[in-house]
């Protein structure tokens, strides 16, 4: 409950300031980032629980539709204008399309490669963010020690999933390429938000752009891809969808956009390496998957990398 309150206070409390762009993460930013990474890691378990009853791309579409409605209600209650003329419409459509294509590539790529390889390639996104930030965002320069931190964190991901790595087959290479492209779209979305007028508007409106566009796009792709639709509904499946819609796509995404608006994205990006680690921990707790020495070593590498990236 304390973490829940901290998460809400962080981006809705009296210290909310869209123009603050702290270079160094403070305690509030770090705590919120850890909450988000843990939530996103557990989300992999939630998707897996429901995937036999609701196909993955359709799951993403349902999540976007439900969360879009919640964000609209929230903006109404908070008196945040939806149709204000702030010169962000086209930028919003761009990030919505980037978001949609990212999820299509992720779920489609998983048909060709395994989840362990997928999470490694997907988490190359921070490198895209770091490179894009240095090119398009003034003042977002990484020093050599911070680049070393990013590399250590990425090595940590490889170590965590080392047991599952095999020489890729031709099909695996196709899936790997899709996941790398998904990482590019993920990183590009973060950079576009930070470098455009989207960084100056309410995080809820930025989120609305992504969810609204994907809510229209993903269901159509699900049909075109030939997914069978909803096969079965059970309390467990409903709980999974509720978690994805309310907590992940609504609360945590608004929190993420608040962080993007207030902190250096190259530093935020390093924390995304924690997400697959939390995913493994969640798998061990809820799916009885084994935690190995590789995971312990990975946590040390990821923690060291985060420290180096966020040194003053």
C-alpha atoms as a PDB file:
ATOM      1  CA  UNK A   1       0.000   0.000   0.000  1.00  0.00           C
ATOM      2  CA  UNK A   2       2.884   2.360   0.791  1.00  0.00           C
ATOM      3  CA  UNK A   3       4.347   1.829  -2.695  1.00  0.00           C
ATOM      4  CA  UNK A   4       0.916   2.388  -4.221  1.00  0.00           C
ATOM      5  CA  UNK A   5       0.548   5.712  -2.411  1.00  0.00           C
ATOM      6  CA  UNK A   6       4.082   6.724  -3.389  1.00  0.00           C
ATOM      7  CA  UNK A   7       3.390   5.974  -7.027  1.00  0.00           C
ATOM      8  CA  UNK A   8       0.265   8.117  -7.089  1.00  0.00           C
ATOM      9  CA  UNK A   9       1.766  10.955  -5.067  1.00  0.00           C
ATOM     10  CA  UNK A  10       4.793  11.058  -7.318  1.00  0.00           C
ATOM     11  CA  UNK A  11       2.902  12.120 -10.420  1.00  0.00           C
ATOM     12  CA  UNK A  12      -0.355  13.567  -9.060  1.00  0.00           C
ATOM     13  CA  UNK A  13       0.878  15.247  -5.874  1.00  0.00           C
ATOM     14  CA  UNK A  14       1.625  18.939  -5.220  1.00  0.00           C
ATOM     15  CA  UNK A  15       5.188  18.660  -6.520  1.00  0.00           C
ATOM     16  CA  UNK A  16       3.919  17.895 -10.019  1.00  0.00           C
ATOM     17  CA  UNK A  17       5.759  20.145 -12.456  1.00  0.00           C
ATOM     18  CA  UNK A  18       5.900  19.425 -16.172  1.00  0.00           C
ATOM     19  CA  UNK A  19       8.803  21.807 -16.724  1.00  0.00           C
ATOM     20  CA  UNK A  20      11.144  20.166 -14.228  1.00  0.00           C
ATOM     21  CA  UNK A  21      13.880  18.217 -16.002  1.00  0.00           C
ATOM     22  CA  UNK A  22      16.153  16.837 -13.291  1.00  0.00           C
ATOM     23  CA  UNK A  23      19.367  15.318 -14.636  1.00  0.00           C
ATOM     24  CA  UNK A  24      19.928  13.147 -11.534  1.00  0.00           C
ATOM     25  CA  UNK A  25      17.303  10.766 -10.234  1.00  0.00           C
ATOM     26  CA  UNK A  26      16.144  11.463  -6.679  1.00  0.00           C
ATOM     27  CA  UNK A  27      14.638   8.966  -4.238  1.00  0.00           C
ATOM     28  CA  UNK A  28      11.115   9.538  -5.533  1.00  0.00           C
ATOM     29  CA  UNK A  29      12.158   8.865  -9.114  1.00  0.00           C
ATOM     30  CA  UNK A  30      14.133   5.743  -8.234  1.00  0.00           C
ATOM     31  CA  UNK A  31      11.335   4.309  -6.062  1.00  0.00           C
ATOM     32  CA  UNK A  32       8.747   4.918  -8.768  1.00  0.00           C
ATOM     33  CA  UNK A  33      10.982   3.358 -11.426  1.00  0.00           C
ATOM     34  CA  UNK A  34      11.433   0.200  -9.352  1.00  0.00           C
ATOM     35  CA  UNK A  35       7.651  -0.057  -8.901  1.00  0.00           C
ATOM     36  CA  UNK A  36       7.146   0.288 -12.646  1.00  0.00           C
ATOM     37  CA  UNK A  37       9.816  -2.263 -13.578  1.00  0.00           C
ATOM     38  CA  UNK A  38       8.402  -4.786 -11.107  1.00  0.00           C
ATOM     39  CA  UNK A  39       4.904  -4.208 -12.479  1.00  0.00           C
ATOM     40  CA  UNK A  40       6.030  -4.632 -16.092  1.00  0.00           C
ATOM     41  CA  UNK A  41       7.979  -7.761 -15.187  1.00  0.00           C
ATOM     42  CA  UNK A  42       4.904  -9.317 -13.586  1.00  0.00           C
ATOM     43  CA  UNK A  43       2.895  -8.302 -16.645  1.00  0.00           C
ATOM     44  CA  UNK A  44       4.649 -11.059 -18.611  1.00  0.00           C
ATOM     45  CA  UNK A  45       3.112 -13.579 -16.210  1.00  0.00           C
ATOM     46  CA  UNK A  46      -0.301 -11.933 -16.544  1.00  0.00           C
ATOM     47  CA  UNK A  47      -0.166 -12.166 -20.345  1.00  0.00           C
ATOM     48  CA  UNK A  48       0.966 -15.792 -20.218  1.00  0.00           C
ATOM     49  CA  UNK A  49      -1.923 -16.688 -17.883  1.00  0.00           C
ATOM     50  CA  UNK A  50      -4.501 -15.374 -20.346  1.00  0.00           C
ATOM     51  CA  UNK A  51      -2.832 -16.145 -23.666  1.00  0.00           C
ATOM     52  CA  UNK A  52      -4.565 -19.505 -24.176  1.00  0.00           C
ATOM     53  CA  UNK A  53      -7.952 -17.817 -23.840  1.00  0.00           C
ATOM     54  CA  UNK A  54      -7.240 -14.408 -25.411  1.00  0.00           C
ATOM     55  CA  UNK A  55      -4.641 -14.215 -28.240  1.00  0.00           C
ATOM     56  CA  UNK A  56      -1.718 -11.834 -27.560  1.00  0.00           C
ATOM     57  CA  UNK A  57      -2.357  -9.035 -30.074  1.00  0.00           C
ATOM     58  CA  UNK A  58      -6.054  -9.056 -29.206  1.00  0.00           C
ATOM     59  CA  UNK A  59      -5.038  -8.858 -25.546  1.00  0.00           C
ATOM     60  CA  UNK A  60      -3.016  -5.755 -26.330  1.00  0.00           C
ATOM     61  CA  UNK A  61      -5.966  -4.281 -28.231  1.00  0.00           C
ATOM     62  CA  UNK A  62      -8.415  -4.957 -25.392  1.00  0.00           C
ATOM     63  CA  UNK A  63      -5.943  -3.439 -22.953  1.00  0.00           C
ATOM     64  CA  UNK A  64      -5.627  -0.290 -25.054  1.00  0.00           C
ATOM     65  CA  UNK A  65      -9.395   0.072 -25.452  1.00  0.00           C
ATOM     66  CA  UNK A  66     -10.071  -0.332 -21.739  1.00  0.00           C
ATOM     67  CA  UNK A  67      -7.233   1.937 -20.678  1.00  0.00           C
ATOM     68  CA  UNK A  68      -8.269   4.601 -23.218  1.00  0.00           C
ATOM     69  CA  UNK A  69     -11.672   4.803 -21.542  1.00  0.00           C
ATOM     70  CA  UNK A  70     -10.050   5.073 -18.095  1.00  0.00           C
ATOM     71  CA  UNK A  71      -7.683   7.836 -19.221  1.00  0.00           C
ATOM     72  CA  UNK A  72     -10.569   9.799 -20.753  1.00  0.00           C
ATOM     73  CA  UNK A  73     -12.518   9.523 -17.487  1.00  0.00           C
ATOM     74  CA  UNK A  74      -9.445  10.554 -15.500  1.00  0.00           C
ATOM     75  CA  UNK A  75      -8.792  13.577 -17.695  1.00  0.00           C
ATOM     76  CA  UNK A  76     -12.424  14.598 -17.336  1.00  0.00           C
ATOM     77  CA  UNK A  77     -12.262  14.368 -13.540  1.00  0.00           C
ATOM     78  CA  UNK A  78      -8.956  16.270 -13.464  1.00  0.00           C
ATOM     79  CA  UNK A  79     -10.277  18.922 -15.901  1.00  0.00           C
ATOM     80  CA  UNK A  80      -7.444  18.205 -18.331  1.00  0.00           C
ATOM     81  CA  UNK A  81      -8.559  19.332 -21.805  1.00  0.00           C
ATOM     82  CA  UNK A  82      -8.514  16.587 -24.423  1.00  0.00           C
ATOM     83  CA  UNK A  83      -8.917  18.795 -27.467  1.00  0.00           C
ATOM     84  CA  UNK A  84      -6.720  21.725 -26.431  1.00  0.00           C
ATOM     85  CA  UNK A  85      -4.766  23.322 -29.286  1.00  0.00           C
ATOM     86  CA  UNK A  86      -1.243  22.573 -28.122  1.00  0.00           C
ATOM     87  CA  UNK A  87       0.337  21.548 -31.452  1.00  0.00           C
ATOM     88  CA  UNK A  88       0.734  17.927 -30.356  1.00  0.00           C
ATOM     89  CA  UNK A  89      -1.827  16.105 -32.501  1.00  0.00           C
ATOM     90  CA  UNK A  90       0.556  14.894 -35.187  1.00  0.00           C
ATOM     91  CA  UNK A  91       3.223  14.072 -32.619  1.00  0.00           C
ATOM     92  CA  UNK A  92       0.591  12.081 -30.733  1.00  0.00           C
ATOM     93  CA  UNK A  93      -0.360  10.117 -33.830  1.00  0.00           C
ATOM     94  CA  UNK A  94       3.322   9.366 -34.438  1.00  0.00           C
ATOM     95  CA  UNK A  95       3.899   7.916 -30.956  1.00  0.00           C
ATOM     96  CA  UNK A  96       0.603   6.020 -31.182  1.00  0.00           C
ATOM     97  CA  UNK A  97       1.727   4.325 -34.378  1.00  0.00           C
ATOM     98  CA  UNK A  98       5.190   3.633 -32.946  1.00  0.00           C
ATOM     99  CA  UNK A  99       3.545   2.082 -29.894  1.00  0.00           C
ATOM    100  CA  UNK A 100       1.250  -0.075 -32.032  1.00  0.00           C
ATOM    101  CA  UNK A 101       3.988  -1.347 -34.336  1.00  0.00           C
ATOM    102  CA  UNK A 102       6.193  -2.107 -31.328  1.00  0.00           C
ATOM    103  CA  UNK A 103       3.593  -4.438 -29.856  1.00  0.00           C
ATOM    104  CA  UNK A 104       2.851  -6.083 -33.188  1.00  0.00           C
ATOM    105  CA  UNK A 105       6.549  -6.851 -33.647  1.00  0.00           C
ATOM    106  CA  UNK A 106       6.857  -8.177 -30.096  1.00  0.00           C
ATOM    107  CA  UNK A 107       3.931 -10.569 -30.293  1.00  0.00           C
ATOM    108  CA  UNK A 108       4.514 -11.572 -33.891  1.00  0.00           C
ATOM    109  CA  UNK A 109       8.225 -12.097 -33.260  1.00  0.00           C
ATOM    110  CA  UNK A 110       7.425 -14.480 -30.408  1.00  0.00           C
ATOM    111  CA  UNK A 111       5.964 -16.841 -33.009  1.00  0.00           C
ATOM    112  CA  UNK A 112       9.470 -17.289 -34.417  1.00  0.00           C
ATOM    113  CA  UNK A 113      11.840 -17.028 -31.451  1.00  0.00           C
ATOM    114  CA  UNK A 114      11.673 -18.020 -27.802  1.00  0.00           C
ATOM    115  CA  UNK A 115      10.841 -15.698 -24.916  1.00  0.00           C
ATOM    116  CA  UNK A 116      14.352 -15.744 -23.455  1.00  0.00           C
ATOM    117  CA  UNK A 117      15.927 -14.491 -26.674  1.00  0.00           C
ATOM    118  CA  UNK A 118      13.067 -12.026 -27.142  1.00  0.00           C
ATOM    119  CA  UNK A 119      13.578 -10.302 -23.819  1.00  0.00           C
ATOM    120  CA  UNK A 120      17.307  -9.881 -24.480  1.00  0.00           C
ATOM    121  CA  UNK A 121      16.818  -8.235 -27.864  1.00  0.00           C
ATOM    122  CA  UNK A 122      13.854  -6.142 -26.712  1.00  0.00           C
ATOM    123  CA  UNK A 123      15.955  -4.705 -23.905  1.00  0.00           C
ATOM    124  CA  UNK A 124      18.423  -3.202 -26.329  1.00  0.00           C
ATOM    125  CA  UNK A 125      15.981  -0.275 -26.269  1.00  0.00           C
ATOM    126  CA  UNK A 126      18.046   1.788 -23.765  1.00  0.00           C
ATOM    127  CA  UNK A 127      20.862   1.952 -26.313  1.00  0.00           C
ATOM    128  CA  UNK A 128      18.420   3.405 -28.838  1.00  0.00           C
ATOM    129  CA  UNK A 129      17.257   5.921 -26.230  1.00  0.00           C
ATOM    130  CA  UNK A 130      20.816   6.884 -25.303  1.00  0.00           C
ATOM    131  CA  UNK A 131      21.825   7.381 -28.942  1.00  0.00           C
ATOM    132  CA  UNK A 132      18.637   9.216 -29.832  1.00  0.00           C
ATOM    133  CA  UNK A 133      18.849  11.449 -26.766  1.00  0.00           C
ATOM    134  CA  UNK A 134      22.382  12.555 -27.616  1.00  0.00           C
ATOM    135  CA  UNK A 135      21.310  13.384 -31.165  1.00  0.00           C
ATOM    136  CA  UNK A 136      17.928  15.062 -30.568  1.00  0.00           C
ATOM    137  CA  UNK A 137      17.774  16.191 -26.914  1.00  0.00           C
ATOM    138  CA  UNK A 138      20.070  19.031 -25.776  1.00  0.00           C
ATOM    139  CA  UNK A 139      22.016  18.328 -22.601  1.00  0.00           C
ATOM    140  CA  UNK A 140      21.466  14.542 -22.655  1.00  0.00           C
ATOM    141  CA  UNK A 141      25.086  13.498 -23.045  1.00  0.00           C
ATOM    142  CA  UNK A 142      26.384  10.229 -21.620  1.00  0.00           C
ATOM    143  CA  UNK A 143      29.944  10.002 -20.298  1.00  0.00           C
ATOM    144  CA  UNK A 144      32.114   6.940 -20.815  1.00  0.00           C
ATOM    145  CA  UNK A 145      31.399   5.623 -17.326  1.00  0.00           C
ATOM    146  CA  UNK A 146      27.656   5.831 -18.029  1.00  0.00           C
ATOM    147  CA  UNK A 147      28.040   4.010 -21.330  1.00  0.00           C
ATOM    148  CA  UNK A 148      29.926   1.340 -19.393  1.00  0.00           C
ATOM    149  CA  UNK A 149      26.967   1.174 -17.007  1.00  0.00           C
ATOM    150  CA  UNK A 150      24.547   0.538 -19.859  1.00  0.00           C
ATOM    151  CA  UNK A 151      26.811  -2.193 -21.206  1.00  0.00           C
ATOM    152  CA  UNK A 152      27.069  -3.878 -17.791  1.00  0.00           C
ATOM    153  CA  UNK A 153      23.301  -3.816 -17.385  1.00  0.00           C
ATOM    154  CA  UNK A 154      22.810  -5.384 -20.803  1.00  0.00           C
ATOM    155  CA  UNK A 155      25.395  -8.065 -20.021  1.00  0.00           C
ATOM    156  CA  UNK A 156      23.357  -8.749 -16.910  1.00  0.00           C
ATOM    157  CA  UNK A 157      20.312  -9.506 -19.061  1.00  0.00           C
ATOM    158  CA  UNK A 158      22.348 -11.896 -21.192  1.00  0.00           C
ATOM    159  CA  UNK A 159      23.633 -13.665 -18.079  1.00  0.00           C
ATOM    160  CA  UNK A 160      20.106 -13.989 -16.671  1.00  0.00           C
ATOM    161  CA  UNK A 161      18.905 -15.819 -19.750  1.00  0.00           C
ATOM    162  CA  UNK A 162      22.143 -17.602 -20.613  1.00  0.00           C
ATOM    163  CA  UNK A 163      20.666 -21.033 -19.911  1.00  0.00           C
ATOM    164  CA  UNK A 164      18.063 -20.549 -22.630  1.00  0.00           C
ATOM    165  CA  UNK A 165      20.370 -19.284 -25.358  1.00  0.00           C
ATOM    166  CA  UNK A 166      21.061 -21.529 -28.345  1.00  0.00           C
ATOM    167  CA  UNK A 167      22.488 -20.950 -31.759  1.00  0.00           C
ATOM    168  CA  UNK A 168      19.674 -19.365 -33.747  1.00  0.00           C
ATOM    169  CA  UNK A 169      17.865 -21.220 -36.487  1.00  0.00           C
ATOM    170  CA  UNK A 170      16.626 -19.378 -39.553  1.00  0.00           C
ATOM    171  CA  UNK A 171      13.225 -18.889 -37.909  1.00  0.00           C
ATOM    172  CA  UNK A 172      14.856 -17.640 -34.721  1.00  0.00           C
ATOM    173  CA  UNK A 173      16.791 -15.047 -36.697  1.00  0.00           C
ATOM    174  CA  UNK A 174      13.521 -13.738 -38.154  1.00  0.00           C
ATOM    175  CA  UNK A 175      12.051 -13.419 -34.669  1.00  0.00           C
ATOM    176  CA  UNK A 176      15.246 -11.851 -33.316  1.00  0.00           C
ATOM    177  CA  UNK A 177      15.179  -9.191 -36.031  1.00  0.00           C
ATOM    178  CA  UNK A 178      11.536  -8.428 -35.205  1.00  0.00           C
ATOM    179  CA  UNK A 179      12.376  -8.002 -31.518  1.00  0.00           C
ATOM    180  CA  UNK A 180      15.319  -5.739 -32.318  1.00  0.00           C
ATOM    181  CA  UNK A 181      13.010  -3.621 -34.466  1.00  0.00           C
ATOM    182  CA  UNK A 182      10.493  -3.560 -31.607  1.00  0.00           C
ATOM    183  CA  UNK A 183      13.256  -2.246 -29.343  1.00  0.00           C
ATOM    184  CA  UNK A 184      14.003   0.472 -31.917  1.00  0.00           C
ATOM    185  CA  UNK A 185      10.342   1.524 -31.929  1.00  0.00           C
ATOM    186  CA  UNK A 186      10.218   1.479 -28.134  1.00  0.00           C
ATOM    187  CA  UNK A 187      13.323   3.646 -27.862  1.00  0.00           C
ATOM    188  CA  UNK A 188      12.129   5.957 -30.643  1.00  0.00           C
ATOM    189  CA  UNK A 189       8.843   6.507 -28.819  1.00  0.00           C
ATOM    190  CA  UNK A 190      10.664   7.609 -25.670  1.00  0.00           C
ATOM    191  CA  UNK A 191      12.926   9.984 -27.572  1.00  0.00           C
ATOM    192  CA  UNK A 192      10.051  11.505 -29.568  1.00  0.00           C
ATOM    193  CA  UNK A 193       8.092  12.190 -26.380  1.00  0.00           C
ATOM    194  CA  UNK A 194      11.063  13.851 -24.707  1.00  0.00           C
ATOM    195  CA  UNK A 195      12.216  15.856 -27.756  1.00  0.00           C
ATOM    196  CA  UNK A 196       8.787  17.080 -28.906  1.00  0.00           C
ATOM    197  CA  UNK A 197       6.022  19.313 -27.478  1.00  0.00           C
ATOM    198  CA  UNK A 198       4.612  16.133 -25.904  1.00  0.00           C
ATOM    199  CA  UNK A 199       7.104  16.646 -23.062  1.00  0.00           C
ATOM    200  CA  UNK A 200       5.253  19.840 -22.091  1.00  0.00           C
ATOM    201  CA  UNK A 201       1.709  18.488 -21.867  1.00  0.00           C
ATOM    202  CA  UNK A 202      -0.004  16.409 -19.198  1.00  0.00           C
ATOM    203  CA  UNK A 203       1.285  12.801 -19.108  1.00  0.00           C
ATOM    204  CA  UNK A 204      -2.308  11.552 -19.292  1.00  0.00           C
ATOM    205  CA  UNK A 205      -2.770  13.195 -22.688  1.00  0.00           C
ATOM    206  CA  UNK A 206       0.476  11.717 -23.983  1.00  0.00           C
ATOM    207  CA  UNK A 207      -0.750   8.325 -22.826  1.00  0.00           C
ATOM    208  CA  UNK A 208      -4.128   8.943 -24.465  1.00  0.00           C
ATOM    209  CA  UNK A 209      -2.438   9.434 -27.820  1.00  0.00           C
ATOM    210  CA  UNK A 210      -0.649   6.081 -27.563  1.00  0.00           C
ATOM    211  CA  UNK A 211      -3.604   4.136 -26.246  1.00  0.00           C
ATOM    212  CA  UNK A 212      -6.173   5.763 -28.537  1.00  0.00           C
ATOM    213  CA  UNK A 213      -4.247   5.086 -31.734  1.00  0.00           C
ATOM    214  CA  UNK A 214      -3.352   1.526 -30.666  1.00  0.00           C
ATOM    215  CA  UNK A 215      -6.965   0.883 -29.590  1.00  0.00           C
ATOM    216  CA  UNK A 216      -7.988   1.491 -33.196  1.00  0.00           C
ATOM    217  CA  UNK A 217      -5.010  -0.210 -34.837  1.00  0.00           C
ATOM    218  CA  UNK A 218      -4.344  -3.396 -32.817  1.00  0.00           C
ATOM    219  CA  UNK A 219      -7.803  -5.048 -33.091  1.00  0.00           C
ATOM    220  CA  UNK A 220      -7.705  -4.660 -36.880  1.00  0.00           C
ATOM    221  CA  UNK A 221      -4.279  -6.253 -37.009  1.00  0.00           C
ATOM    222  CA  UNK A 222      -5.494  -9.086 -34.776  1.00  0.00           C
ATOM    223  CA  UNK A 223      -8.242  -9.864 -37.281  1.00  0.00           C
ATOM    224  CA  UNK A 224      -5.886  -9.520 -40.254  1.00  0.00           C
ATOM    225  CA  UNK A 225      -3.353 -11.802 -38.557  1.00  0.00           C
ATOM    226  CA  UNK A 226      -6.054 -14.440 -38.154  1.00  0.00           C
ATOM    227  CA  UNK A 227      -6.260 -14.626 -34.371  1.00  0.00           C
ATOM    228  CA  UNK A 228      -9.296 -16.668 -33.272  1.00  0.00           C
ATOM    229  CA  UNK A 229     -10.733 -14.073 -30.880  1.00  0.00           C
ATOM    230  CA  UNK A 230     -11.673 -14.693 -27.262  1.00  0.00           C
ATOM    231  CA  UNK A 231     -11.740 -18.455 -26.721  1.00  0.00           C
ATOM    232  CA  UNK A 232     -12.679 -18.616 -23.047  1.00  0.00           C
ATOM    233  CA  UNK A 233     -13.365 -16.294 -20.112  1.00  0.00           C
ATOM    234  CA  UNK A 234     -12.619 -17.297 -16.520  1.00  0.00           C
ATOM    235  CA  UNK A 235     -12.033 -15.346 -13.283  1.00  0.00           C
ATOM    236  CA  UNK A 236      -8.278 -15.796 -13.765  1.00  0.00           C
ATOM    237  CA  UNK A 237      -8.416 -14.419 -17.297  1.00  0.00           C
ATOM    238  CA  UNK A 238     -10.587 -11.509 -16.162  1.00  0.00           C
ATOM    239  CA  UNK A 239      -8.091 -10.770 -13.388  1.00  0.00           C
ATOM    240  CA  UNK A 240      -5.238 -10.802 -15.886  1.00  0.00           C
ATOM    241  CA  UNK A 241      -7.033  -8.384 -18.206  1.00  0.00           C
ATOM    242  CA  UNK A 242      -7.962  -6.135 -15.264  1.00  0.00           C
ATOM    243  CA  UNK A 243      -4.317  -6.003 -14.197  1.00  0.00           C
ATOM    244  CA  UNK A 244      -3.149  -5.186 -17.715  1.00  0.00           C
ATOM    245  CA  UNK A 245      -5.808  -2.511 -18.309  1.00  0.00           C
ATOM    246  CA  UNK A 246      -6.024  -0.719 -14.963  1.00  0.00           C
ATOM    247  CA  UNK A 247      -2.596  -1.075 -13.413  1.00  0.00           C
ATOM    248  CA  UNK A 248      -0.257  -1.493 -16.400  1.00  0.00           C
ATOM    249  CA  UNK A 249      -1.764   0.489 -19.263  1.00  0.00           C
ATOM    250  CA  UNK A 250      -3.404   3.171 -17.121  1.00  0.00           C
ATOM    251  CA  UNK A 251      -1.499   3.820 -13.897  1.00  0.00           C
ATOM    252  CA  UNK A 252       2.049   2.718 -14.716  1.00  0.00           C
ATOM    253  CA  UNK A 253       2.083   4.284 -18.180  1.00  0.00           C
ATOM    254  CA  UNK A 254       0.986   7.674 -16.835  1.00  0.00           C
ATOM    255  CA  UNK A 255       3.728   7.365 -14.224  1.00  0.00           C
ATOM    256  CA  UNK A 256       6.278   6.564 -16.957  1.00  0.00           C
ATOM    257  CA  UNK A 257       5.336   9.628 -18.990  1.00  0.00           C
ATOM    258  CA  UNK A 258       5.608  11.758 -15.861  1.00  0.00           C
ATOM    259  CA  UNK A 259       9.139  10.417 -15.373  1.00  0.00           C
ATOM    260  CA  UNK A 260      10.025  11.128 -19.000  1.00  0.00           C
ATOM    261  CA  UNK A 261       8.832  14.716 -18.547  1.00  0.00           C
ATOM    262  CA  UNK A 262      10.848  15.289 -15.376  1.00  0.00           C
ATOM    263  CA  UNK A 263      14.094  13.304 -15.669  1.00  0.00           C
ATOM    264  CA  UNK A 264      16.826  12.607 -18.213  1.00  0.00           C
ATOM    265  CA  UNK A 265      15.593   9.749 -20.417  1.00  0.00           C
ATOM    266  CA  UNK A 266      19.060   8.267 -20.905  1.00  0.00           C
ATOM    267  CA  UNK A 267      19.169   7.682 -17.134  1.00  0.00           C
ATOM    268  CA  UNK A 268      15.602   6.410 -16.945  1.00  0.00           C
ATOM    269  CA  UNK A 269      16.300   3.934 -19.736  1.00  0.00           C
ATOM    270  CA  UNK A 270      18.901   2.074 -17.691  1.00  0.00           C
ATOM    271  CA  UNK A 271      16.231   1.009 -15.203  1.00  0.00           C
ATOM    272  CA  UNK A 272      14.244  -0.791 -17.886  1.00  0.00           C
ATOM    273  CA  UNK A 273      16.899  -3.513 -17.658  1.00  0.00           C
ATOM    274  CA  UNK A 274      15.296  -4.465 -14.320  1.00  0.00           C
ATOM    275  CA  UNK A 275      11.991  -5.403 -15.971  1.00  0.00           C
ATOM    276  CA  UNK A 276      13.005  -8.863 -17.284  1.00  0.00           C
ATOM    277  CA  UNK A 277      14.750  -9.586 -13.974  1.00  0.00           C
ATOM    278  CA  UNK A 278      11.505  -8.918 -12.146  1.00  0.00           C
ATOM    279  CA  UNK A 279       9.800 -11.039 -14.803  1.00  0.00           C
ATOM    280  CA  UNK A 280      11.986 -14.007 -13.891  1.00  0.00           C
ATOM    281  CA  UNK A 281      11.290 -13.475 -10.184  1.00  0.00           C
ATOM    282  CA  UNK A 282       7.552 -13.301 -10.861  1.00  0.00           C
ATOM    283  CA  UNK A 283       7.799 -16.487 -12.910  1.00  0.00           C
ATOM    284  CA  UNK A 284       9.503 -18.222 -10.005  1.00  0.00           C
ATOM    285  CA  UNK A 285       6.863 -17.090  -7.518  1.00  0.00           C
ATOM    286  CA  UNK A 286       3.737 -17.617  -9.603  1.00  0.00           C
ATOM    287  CA  UNK A 287       4.795 -20.216 -12.178  1.00  0.00           C
ATOM    288  CA  UNK A 288       7.243 -22.210 -10.039  1.00  0.00           C
ATOM    289  CA  UNK A 289      10.179 -21.434 -12.328  1.00  0.00           C
ATOM    290  CA  UNK A 290      13.630 -21.897 -10.805  1.00  0.00           C
ATOM    291  CA  UNK A 291      15.846 -18.968  -9.764  1.00  0.00           C
ATOM    292  CA  UNK A 292      19.449 -19.832 -10.591  1.00  0.00           C
ATOM    293  CA  UNK A 293      22.914 -18.482  -9.917  1.00  0.00           C
ATOM    294  CA  UNK A 294      22.743 -16.789 -13.325  1.00  0.00           C
ATOM    295  CA  UNK A 295      19.903 -14.578 -12.060  1.00  0.00           C
ATOM    296  CA  UNK A 296      21.837 -13.590  -8.933  1.00  0.00           C
ATOM    297  CA  UNK A 297      24.850 -12.612 -11.061  1.00  0.00           C
ATOM    298  CA  UNK A 298      22.561 -10.701 -13.408  1.00  0.00           C
ATOM    299  CA  UNK A 299      21.075  -8.694 -10.545  1.00  0.00           C
ATOM    300  CA  UNK A 300      24.591  -7.658  -9.460  1.00  0.00           C
ATOM    301  CA  UNK A 301      25.498  -6.577 -13.001  1.00  0.00           C
ATOM    302  CA  UNK A 302      22.225  -4.704 -13.525  1.00  0.00           C
ATOM    303  CA  UNK A 303      22.522  -2.948 -10.162  1.00  0.00           C
ATOM    304  CA  UNK A 304      26.100  -1.908 -10.906  1.00  0.00           C
ATOM    305  CA  UNK A 305      25.132  -0.664 -14.340  1.00  0.00           C
ATOM    306  CA  UNK A 306      22.280   1.438 -12.946  1.00  0.00           C
ATOM    307  CA  UNK A 307      24.626   2.951 -10.352  1.00  0.00           C
ATOM    308  CA  UNK A 308      27.184   3.919 -13.000  1.00  0.00           C
ATOM    309  CA  UNK A 309      24.590   5.447 -15.340  1.00  0.00           C
ATOM    310  CA  UNK A 310      23.137   7.549 -12.516  1.00  0.00           C
ATOM    311  CA  UNK A 311      26.386   8.795 -10.961  1.00  0.00           C
ATOM    312  CA  UNK A 312      26.445  12.535 -10.474  1.00  0.00           C
END
